[in-house]
Amino acid sequence: MKEKTKLILCLGSSCYSRGNQYVLEIVKQYIKDHNLKDEVDFRGQLCTGNCSHGPVMKINDVKHENVDINNIQKILDQYFSK
């Protein structure tokens, strides 16, 4: 069985107030629209310690900084576009 892709979104107060509340909804919808529920382990995490570069998201062990509604689709497509 293939290991799930780990997707962790920082939901600490700094990242959340900088827009991760919107990114959260986009990621959830992306997973649903692309039938990725069984392929993605999606979790929120309190502060990742990178507040000055937030919003922050990690996919597997790759950290993405300054994630927002304008670049989240492109980031997700890099990992999940078939």
PDB file of N, CA and C in Angstrom:
ATOM      1  N   MET A   1       0.828  -1.183   0.000  1.00  0.00           N
ATOM      2  CA  MET A   1       0.000   0.000   0.000  1.00  0.00           C
ATOM      3  C   MET A   1       0.880   1.258   0.000  1.00  0.00           C
ATOM      4  N   LYS A   2       0.538   2.186  -0.830  1.00  0.00           N
ATOM      5  CA  LYS A   2       1.297   3.430  -0.968  1.00  0.00           C
ATOM      6  C   LYS A   2       1.138   4.296   0.278  1.00  0.00           C
ATOM      7  N   GLU A   3       2.259   4.871   0.743  1.00  0.00           N
ATOM      8  CA  GLU A   3       2.232   5.751   1.909  1.00  0.00           C
ATOM      9  C   GLU A   3       1.530   7.054   1.551  1.00  0.00           C
ATOM     10  N   LYS A   4       0.741   7.562   2.467  1.00  0.00           N
ATOM     11  CA  LYS A   4       0.016   8.806   2.238  1.00  0.00           C
ATOM     12  C   LYS A   4       0.971   9.999   2.228  1.00  0.00           C
ATOM     13  N   THR A   5       0.633  10.979   1.429  1.00  0.00           N
ATOM     14  CA  THR A   5       1.347  12.247   1.431  1.00  0.00           C
ATOM     15  C   THR A   5       0.938  13.013   2.677  1.00  0.00           C
ATOM     16  N   LYS A   6       1.911  13.501   3.432  1.00  0.00           N
ATOM     17  CA  LYS A   6       1.629  14.246   4.649  1.00  0.00           C
ATOM     18  C   LYS A   6       1.562  15.731   4.322  1.00  0.00           C
ATOM     19  N   LEU A   7       0.427  16.313   4.610  1.00  0.00           N
ATOM     20  CA  LEU A   7       0.200  17.734   4.357  1.00  0.00           C
ATOM     21  C   LEU A   7      -0.155  18.383   5.694  1.00  0.00           C
ATOM     22  N   ILE A   8       0.702  19.278   6.157  1.00  0.00           N
ATOM     23  CA  ILE A   8       0.502  19.924   7.451  1.00  0.00           C
ATOM     24  C   ILE A   8       0.408  21.432   7.237  1.00  0.00           C
ATOM     25  N   LEU A   9      -0.697  21.986   7.689  1.00  0.00           N
ATOM     26  CA  LEU A   9      -0.945  23.416   7.555  1.00  0.00           C
ATOM     27  C   LEU A   9      -0.824  24.063   8.930  1.00  0.00           C
ATOM     28  N   CYS A  10       0.000  25.087   9.031  1.00  0.00           N
ATOM     29  CA  CYS A  10       0.137  25.794  10.302  1.00  0.00           C
ATOM     30  C   CYS A  10      -1.155  26.553  10.581  1.00  0.00           C
ATOM     31  N   LEU A  11      -1.701  26.312  11.762  1.00  0.00           N
ATOM     32  CA  LEU A  11      -2.914  27.011  12.181  1.00  0.00           C
ATOM     33  C   LEU A  11      -2.652  27.853  13.426  1.00  0.00           C
ATOM     34  N   GLY A  12      -1.368  28.165  13.651  1.00  0.00           N
ATOM     35  CA  GLY A  12      -1.027  29.075  14.732  1.00  0.00           C
ATOM     36  C   GLY A  12      -1.632  30.444  14.470  1.00  0.00           C
ATOM     37  N   SER A  13      -1.748  31.247  15.492  1.00  0.00           N
ATOM     38  CA  SER A  13      -2.461  32.528  15.365  1.00  0.00           C
ATOM     39  C   SER A  13      -1.873  33.452  14.296  1.00  0.00           C
ATOM     40  N   SER A  14      -0.560  33.479  14.158  1.00  0.00           N
ATOM     41  CA  SER A  14       0.056  34.358  13.160  1.00  0.00           C
ATOM     42  C   SER A  14      -0.281  33.907  11.739  1.00  0.00           C
ATOM     43  N   CYS A  15      -0.058  32.642  11.442  1.00  0.00           N
ATOM     44  CA  CYS A  15      -0.368  32.128  10.098  1.00  0.00           C
ATOM     45  C   CYS A  15      -1.861  32.191   9.814  1.00  0.00           C
ATOM     46  N   TYR A  16      -2.649  31.883  10.832  1.00  0.00           N
ATOM     47  CA  TYR A  16      -4.101  31.897  10.653  1.00  0.00           C
ATOM     48  C   TYR A  16      -4.580  33.302  10.320  1.00  0.00           C
ATOM     49  N   SER A  17      -4.077  34.291  11.033  1.00  0.00           N
ATOM     50  CA  SER A  17      -4.509  35.664  10.789  1.00  0.00           C
ATOM     51  C   SER A  17      -3.948  36.221   9.478  1.00  0.00           C
ATOM     52  N   ARG A  18      -2.887  35.612   8.970  1.00  0.00           N
ATOM     53  CA  ARG A  18      -2.307  36.042   7.691  1.00  0.00           C
ATOM     54  C   ARG A  18      -2.956  35.355   6.495  1.00  0.00           C
ATOM     55  N   GLY A  19      -3.929  34.489   6.756  1.00  0.00           N
ATOM     56  CA  GLY A  19      -4.669  33.934   5.620  1.00  0.00           C
ATOM     57  C   GLY A  19      -4.830  32.431   5.588  1.00  0.00           C
ATOM     58  N   ASN A  20      -4.230  31.716   6.521  1.00  0.00           N
ATOM     59  CA  ASN A  20      -4.365  30.267   6.458  1.00  0.00           C
ATOM     60  C   ASN A  20      -5.789  29.792   6.724  1.00  0.00           C
ATOM     61  N   GLN A  21      -6.653  30.648   7.269  1.00  0.00           N
ATOM     62  CA  GLN A  21      -8.045  30.245   7.410  1.00  0.00           C
ATOM     63  C   GLN A  21      -8.676  30.063   6.033  1.00  0.00           C
ATOM     64  N   TYR A  22      -8.244  30.829   5.042  1.00  0.00           N
ATOM     65  CA  TYR A  22      -8.751  30.690   3.672  1.00  0.00           C
ATOM     66  C   TYR A  22      -8.050  29.536   2.959  1.00  0.00           C
ATOM     67  N   VAL A  23      -6.751  29.424   3.171  1.00  0.00           N
ATOM     68  CA  VAL A  23      -5.982  28.326   2.577  1.00  0.00           C
ATOM     69  C   VAL A  23      -6.530  26.991   3.069  1.00  0.00           C
ATOM     70  N   LEU A  24      -6.886  26.911   4.337  1.00  0.00           N
ATOM     71  CA  LEU A  24      -7.464  25.699   4.906  1.00  0.00           C
ATOM     72  C   LEU A  24      -8.671  25.238   4.104  1.00  0.00           C
ATOM     73  N   GLU A  25      -9.574  26.135   3.805  1.00  0.00           N
ATOM     74  CA  GLU A  25     -10.780  25.784   3.051  1.00  0.00           C
ATOM     75  C   GLU A  25     -10.450  25.365   1.622  1.00  0.00           C
ATOM     76  N   ILE A  26      -9.484  26.024   1.008  1.00  0.00           N
ATOM     77  CA  ILE A  26      -9.081  25.670  -0.359  1.00  0.00           C
ATOM     78  C   ILE A  26      -8.464  24.279  -0.383  1.00  0.00           C
ATOM     79  N   VAL A  27      -7.615  23.966   0.590  1.00  0.00           N
ATOM     80  CA  VAL A  27      -6.986  22.641   0.646  1.00  0.00           C
ATOM     81  C   VAL A  27      -8.038  21.561   0.848  1.00  0.00           C
ATOM     82  N   LYS A  28      -8.967  21.781   1.766  1.00  0.00           N
ATOM     83  CA  LYS A  28     -10.028  20.787   1.999  1.00  0.00           C
ATOM     84  C   LYS A  28     -10.833  20.549   0.732  1.00  0.00           C
ATOM     85  N   GLN A  29     -11.163  21.608   0.015  1.00  0.00           N
ATOM     86  CA  GLN A  29     -11.937  21.465  -1.221  1.00  0.00           C
ATOM     87  C   GLN A  29     -11.115  20.784  -2.304  1.00  0.00           C
ATOM     88  N   TYR A  30      -9.829  21.092  -2.388  1.00  0.00           N
ATOM     89  CA  TYR A  30      -8.934  20.475  -3.371  1.00  0.00           C
ATOM     90  C   TYR A  30      -8.881  18.966  -3.146  1.00  0.00           C
ATOM     91  N   ILE A  31      -8.718  18.560  -1.898  1.00  0.00           N
ATOM     92  CA  ILE A  31      -8.660  17.129  -1.574  1.00  0.00           C
ATOM     93  C   ILE A  31      -9.961  16.451  -1.982  1.00  0.00           C
ATOM     94  N   LYS A  32     -11.071  17.094  -1.702  1.00  0.00           N
ATOM     95  CA  LYS A  32     -12.378  16.543  -2.068  1.00  0.00           C
ATOM     96  C   LYS A  32     -12.550  16.468  -3.586  1.00  0.00           C
ATOM     97  N   ASP A  33     -12.254  17.564  -4.275  1.00  0.00           N
ATOM     98  CA  ASP A  33     -12.454  17.640  -5.731  1.00  0.00           C
ATOM     99  C   ASP A  33     -11.578  16.659  -6.501  1.00  0.00           C
ATOM    100  N   HIS A  34     -10.398  16.330  -5.950  1.00  0.00           N
ATOM    101  CA  HIS A  34      -9.453  15.452  -6.638  1.00  0.00           C
ATOM    102  C   HIS A  34      -9.436  14.032  -6.050  1.00  0.00           C
ATOM    103  N   ASN A  35     -10.433  13.743  -5.223  1.00  0.00           N
ATOM    104  CA  ASN A  35     -10.563  12.408  -4.628  1.00  0.00           C
ATOM    105  C   ASN A  35      -9.258  11.934  -3.984  1.00  0.00           C
ATOM    106  N   LEU A  36      -8.677  12.775  -3.149  1.00  0.00           N
ATOM    107  CA  LEU A  36      -7.382  12.487  -2.536  1.00  0.00           C
ATOM    108  C   LEU A  36      -7.488  12.056  -1.076  1.00  0.00           C
ATOM    109  N   LYS A  37      -8.692  11.876  -0.582  1.00  0.00           N
ATOM    110  CA  LYS A  37      -8.888  11.560   0.835  1.00  0.00           C
ATOM    111  C   LYS A  37      -8.051  10.358   1.279  1.00  0.00           C
ATOM    112  N   ASP A  38      -7.965   9.342   0.446  1.00  0.00           N
ATOM    113  CA  ASP A  38      -7.228   8.136   0.807  1.00  0.00           C
ATOM    114  C   ASP A  38      -5.724   8.252   0.544  1.00  0.00           C
ATOM    115  N   GLU A  39      -5.301   9.342  -0.106  1.00  0.00           N
ATOM    116  CA  GLU A  39      -3.894   9.515  -0.456  1.00  0.00           C
ATOM    117  C   GLU A  39      -3.186  10.571   0.392  1.00  0.00           C
ATOM    118  N   VAL A  40      -3.960  11.384   1.120  1.00  0.00           N
ATOM    119  CA  VAL A  40      -3.392  12.518   1.840  1.00  0.00           C
ATOM    120  C   VAL A  40      -3.732  12.425   3.325  1.00  0.00           C
ATOM    121  N   ASP A  41      -2.714  12.588   4.156  1.00  0.00           N
ATOM    122  CA  ASP A  41      -2.886  12.724   5.595  1.00  0.00           C
ATOM    123  C   ASP A  41      -2.802  14.220   5.879  1.00  0.00           C
ATOM    124  N   PHE A  42      -3.958  14.870   5.948  1.00  0.00           N
ATOM    125  CA  PHE A  42      -4.034  16.325   6.088  1.00  0.00           C
ATOM    126  C   PHE A  42      -4.306  16.678   7.538  1.00  0.00           C
ATOM    127  N   ARG A  43      -3.422  17.504   8.087  1.00  0.00           N
ATOM    128  CA  ARG A  43      -3.538  17.902   9.490  1.00  0.00           C
ATOM    129  C   ARG A  43      -3.191  19.372   9.666  1.00  0.00           C
ATOM    130  N   GLY A  44      -3.776  19.938  10.686  1.00  0.00           N
ATOM    131  CA  GLY A  44      -3.381  21.262  11.133  1.00  0.00           C
ATOM    132  C   GLY A  44      -2.354  21.106  12.237  1.00  0.00           C
ATOM    133  N   GLN A  45      -1.551  22.118  12.420  1.00  0.00           N
ATOM    134  CA  GLN A  45      -0.543  22.102  13.475  1.00  0.00           C
ATOM    135  C   GLN A  45      -0.459  23.501  14.058  1.00  0.00           C
ATOM    136  N   LEU A  46      -0.338  23.561  15.363  1.00  0.00           N
ATOM    137  CA  LEU A  46      -0.116  24.871  15.965  1.00  0.00           C
ATOM    138  C   LEU A  46       1.313  25.284  15.676  1.00  0.00           C
ATOM    139  N   CYS A  47       1.606  26.493  15.830  1.00  0.00           N
ATOM    140  CA  CYS A  47       2.833  27.171  15.415  1.00  0.00           C
ATOM    141  C   CYS A  47       4.008  26.262  15.035  1.00  0.00           C
ATOM    142  N   THR A  48       4.512  26.484  13.823  1.00  0.00           N
ATOM    143  CA  THR A  48       5.672  25.748  13.319  1.00  0.00           C
ATOM    144  C   THR A  48       6.969  26.498  13.619  1.00  0.00           C
ATOM    145  N   GLY A  49       6.864  27.690  14.202  1.00  0.00           N
ATOM    146  CA  GLY A  49       8.044  28.469  14.548  1.00  0.00           C
ATOM    147  C   GLY A  49       8.615  29.276  13.399  1.00  0.00           C
ATOM    148  N   ASN A  50       7.856  29.432  12.341  1.00  0.00           N
ATOM    149  CA  ASN A  50       8.311  30.194  11.173  1.00  0.00           C
ATOM    150  C   ASN A  50       7.372  31.370  10.911  1.00  0.00           C
ATOM    151  N   CYS A  51       6.946  32.009  11.966  1.00  0.00           N
ATOM    152  CA  CYS A  51       5.912  33.041  11.873  1.00  0.00           C
ATOM    153  C   CYS A  51       6.252  34.159  10.884  1.00  0.00           C
ATOM    154  N   SER A  52       7.499  34.552  10.822  1.00  0.00           N
ATOM    155  CA  SER A  52       7.862  35.662   9.942  1.00  0.00           C
ATOM    156  C   SER A  52       7.791  35.290   8.465  1.00  0.00           C
ATOM    157  N   HIS A  53       7.666  34.000   8.178  1.00  0.00           N
ATOM    158  CA  HIS A  53       7.575  33.538   6.793  1.00  0.00           C
ATOM    159  C   HIS A  53       6.212  32.932   6.491  1.00  0.00           C
ATOM    160  N   GLY A  54       5.271  33.129   7.372  1.00  0.00           N
ATOM    161  CA  GLY A  54       3.957  32.508   7.238  1.00  0.00           C
ATOM    162  C   GLY A  54       3.054  33.259   6.295  1.00  0.00           C
ATOM    163  N   PRO A  55       2.019  32.602   5.940  1.00  0.00           N
ATOM    164  CA  PRO A  55       1.548  31.286   6.323  1.00  0.00           C
ATOM    165  C   PRO A  55       2.455  30.167   5.805  1.00  0.00           C
ATOM    166  N   VAL A  56       2.541  29.109   6.615  1.00  0.00           N
ATOM    167  CA  VAL A  56       3.431  27.996   6.337  1.00  0.00           C
ATOM    168  C   VAL A  56       2.628  26.715   6.148  1.00  0.00           C
ATOM    169  N   MET A  57       3.088  25.883   5.197  1.00  0.00           N
ATOM    170  CA  MET A  57       2.501  24.570   4.951  1.00  0.00           C
ATOM    171  C   MET A  57       3.642  23.614   4.625  1.00  0.00           C
ATOM    172  N   LYS A  58       3.574  22.397   5.134  1.00  0.00           N
ATOM    173  CA  LYS A  58       4.561  21.378   4.799  1.00  0.00           C
ATOM    174  C   LYS A  58       3.876  20.256   4.043  1.00  0.00           C
ATOM    175  N   ILE A  59       4.503  19.823   2.977  1.00  0.00           N
ATOM    176  CA  ILE A  59       4.058  18.639   2.245  1.00  0.00           C
ATOM    177  C   ILE A  59       5.213  17.659   2.315  1.00  0.00           C
ATOM    178  N   ASN A  60       4.931  16.525   2.959  1.00  0.00           N
ATOM    179  CA  ASN A  60       5.980  15.594   3.371  1.00  0.00           C
ATOM    180  C   ASN A  60       6.982  16.412   4.174  1.00  0.00           C
ATOM    181  N   ASP A  61       8.211  16.490   3.808  1.00  0.00           N
ATOM    182  CA  ASP A  61       9.160  17.271   4.603  1.00  0.00           C
ATOM    183  C   ASP A  61       9.571  18.572   3.917  1.00  0.00           C
ATOM    184  N   VAL A  62       8.824  18.996   2.903  1.00  0.00           N
ATOM    185  CA  VAL A  62       9.134  20.223   2.180  1.00  0.00           C
ATOM    186  C   VAL A  62       8.274  21.357   2.732  1.00  0.00           C
ATOM    187  N   LYS A  63       8.937  22.394   3.229  1.00  0.00           N
ATOM    188  CA  LYS A  63       8.237  23.537   3.800  1.00  0.00           C
ATOM    189  C   LYS A  63       7.960  24.574   2.715  1.00  0.00           C
ATOM    190  N   HIS A  64       6.719  25.028   2.686  1.00  0.00           N
ATOM    191  CA  HIS A  64       6.316  26.102   1.778  1.00  0.00           C
ATOM    192  C   HIS A  64       5.953  27.305   2.636  1.00  0.00           C
ATOM    193  N   GLU A  65       6.564  28.433   2.324  1.00  0.00           N
ATOM    194  CA  GLU A  65       6.352  29.649   3.099  1.00  0.00           C
ATOM    195  C   GLU A  65       5.558  30.653   2.280  1.00  0.00           C
ATOM    196  N   ASN A  66       4.955  31.593   2.969  1.00  0.00           N
ATOM    197  CA  ASN A  66       4.155  32.648   2.338  1.00  0.00           C
ATOM    198  C   ASN A  66       3.055  32.072   1.455  1.00  0.00           C
ATOM    199  N   VAL A  67       2.430  31.011   1.933  1.00  0.00           N
ATOM    200  CA  VAL A  67       1.338  30.368   1.206  1.00  0.00           C
ATOM    201  C   VAL A  67       0.106  31.259   1.314  1.00  0.00           C
ATOM    202  N   ASP A  68      -0.573  31.449   0.178  1.00  0.00           N
ATOM    203  CA  ASP A  68      -1.796  32.246   0.197  1.00  0.00           C
ATOM    204  C   ASP A  68      -2.757  31.744  -0.865  1.00  0.00           C
ATOM    205  N   ILE A  69      -3.887  32.417  -0.970  1.00  0.00           N
ATOM    206  CA  ILE A  69      -4.914  31.967  -1.908  1.00  0.00           C
ATOM    207  C   ILE A  69      -4.459  32.088  -3.355  1.00  0.00           C
ATOM    208  N   ASN A  70      -3.413  32.864  -3.611  1.00  0.00           N
ATOM    209  CA  ASN A  70      -2.927  33.040  -4.974  1.00  0.00           C
ATOM    210  C   ASN A  70      -1.939  31.963  -5.419  1.00  0.00           C
ATOM    211  N   ASN A  71      -1.292  31.273  -4.473  1.00  0.00           N
ATOM    212  CA  ASN A  71      -0.301  30.276  -4.885  1.00  0.00           C
ATOM    213  C   ASN A  71      -0.595  28.857  -4.397  1.00  0.00           C
ATOM    214  N   ILE A  72      -1.628  28.674  -3.585  1.00  0.00           N
ATOM    215  CA  ILE A  72      -1.899  27.352  -3.032  1.00  0.00           C
ATOM    216  C   ILE A  72      -2.258  26.334  -4.116  1.00  0.00           C
ATOM    217  N   GLN A  73      -3.026  26.721  -5.093  1.00  0.00           N
ATOM    218  CA  GLN A  73      -3.419  25.798  -6.172  1.00  0.00           C
ATOM    219  C   GLN A  73      -2.184  25.281  -6.913  1.00  0.00           C
ATOM    220  N   LYS A  74      -1.264  26.164  -7.222  1.00  0.00           N
ATOM    221  CA  LYS A  74      -0.044  25.776  -7.934  1.00  0.00           C
ATOM    222  C   LYS A  74       0.797  24.819  -7.090  1.00  0.00           C
ATOM    223  N   ILE A  75       0.908  25.104  -5.797  1.00  0.00           N
ATOM    224  CA  ILE A  75       1.674  24.234  -4.903  1.00  0.00           C
ATOM    225  C   ILE A  75       1.046  22.845  -4.864  1.00  0.00           C
ATOM    226  N   LEU A  76      -0.253  22.778  -4.676  1.00  0.00           N
ATOM    227  CA  LEU A  76      -0.932  21.480  -4.610  1.00  0.00           C
ATOM    228  C   LEU A  76      -0.817  20.728  -5.935  1.00  0.00           C
ATOM    229  N   ASP A  77      -0.948  21.432  -7.040  1.00  0.00           N
ATOM    230  CA  ASP A  77      -0.833  20.787  -8.359  1.00  0.00           C
ATOM    231  C   ASP A  77       0.556  20.171  -8.565  1.00  0.00           C
ATOM    232  N   GLN A  78       1.602  20.778  -7.993  1.00  0.00           N
ATOM    233  CA  GLN A  78       2.946  20.227  -8.133  1.00  0.00           C
ATOM    234  C   GLN A  78       3.036  18.830  -7.534  1.00  0.00           C
ATOM    235  N   TYR A  79       2.261  18.562  -6.512  1.00  0.00           N
ATOM    236  CA  TYR A  79       2.317  17.278  -5.824  1.00  0.00           C
ATOM    237  C   TYR A  79       1.249  16.292  -6.304  1.00  0.00           C
ATOM    238  N   PHE A  80       0.092  16.807  -6.697  1.00  0.00           N
ATOM    239  CA  PHE A  80      -1.038  15.923  -6.924  1.00  0.00           C
ATOM    240  C   PHE A  80      -1.594  15.916  -8.335  1.00  0.00           C
ATOM    241  N   SER A  81      -1.114  16.767  -9.201  1.00  0.00           N
ATOM    242  CA  SER A  81      -1.610  16.787 -10.578  1.00  0.00           C
ATOM    243  C   SER A  81      -1.134  15.524 -11.296  1.00  0.00           C
ATOM    244  N   LYS A  82      -2.068  14.848 -11.946  1.00  0.00           N
ATOM    245  CA  LYS A  82      -1.729  13.595 -12.624  1.00  0.00           C
ATOM    246  C   LYS A  82      -1.755  13.747 -14.120  1.00  0.00           C
TER     247      LYS A  82
END
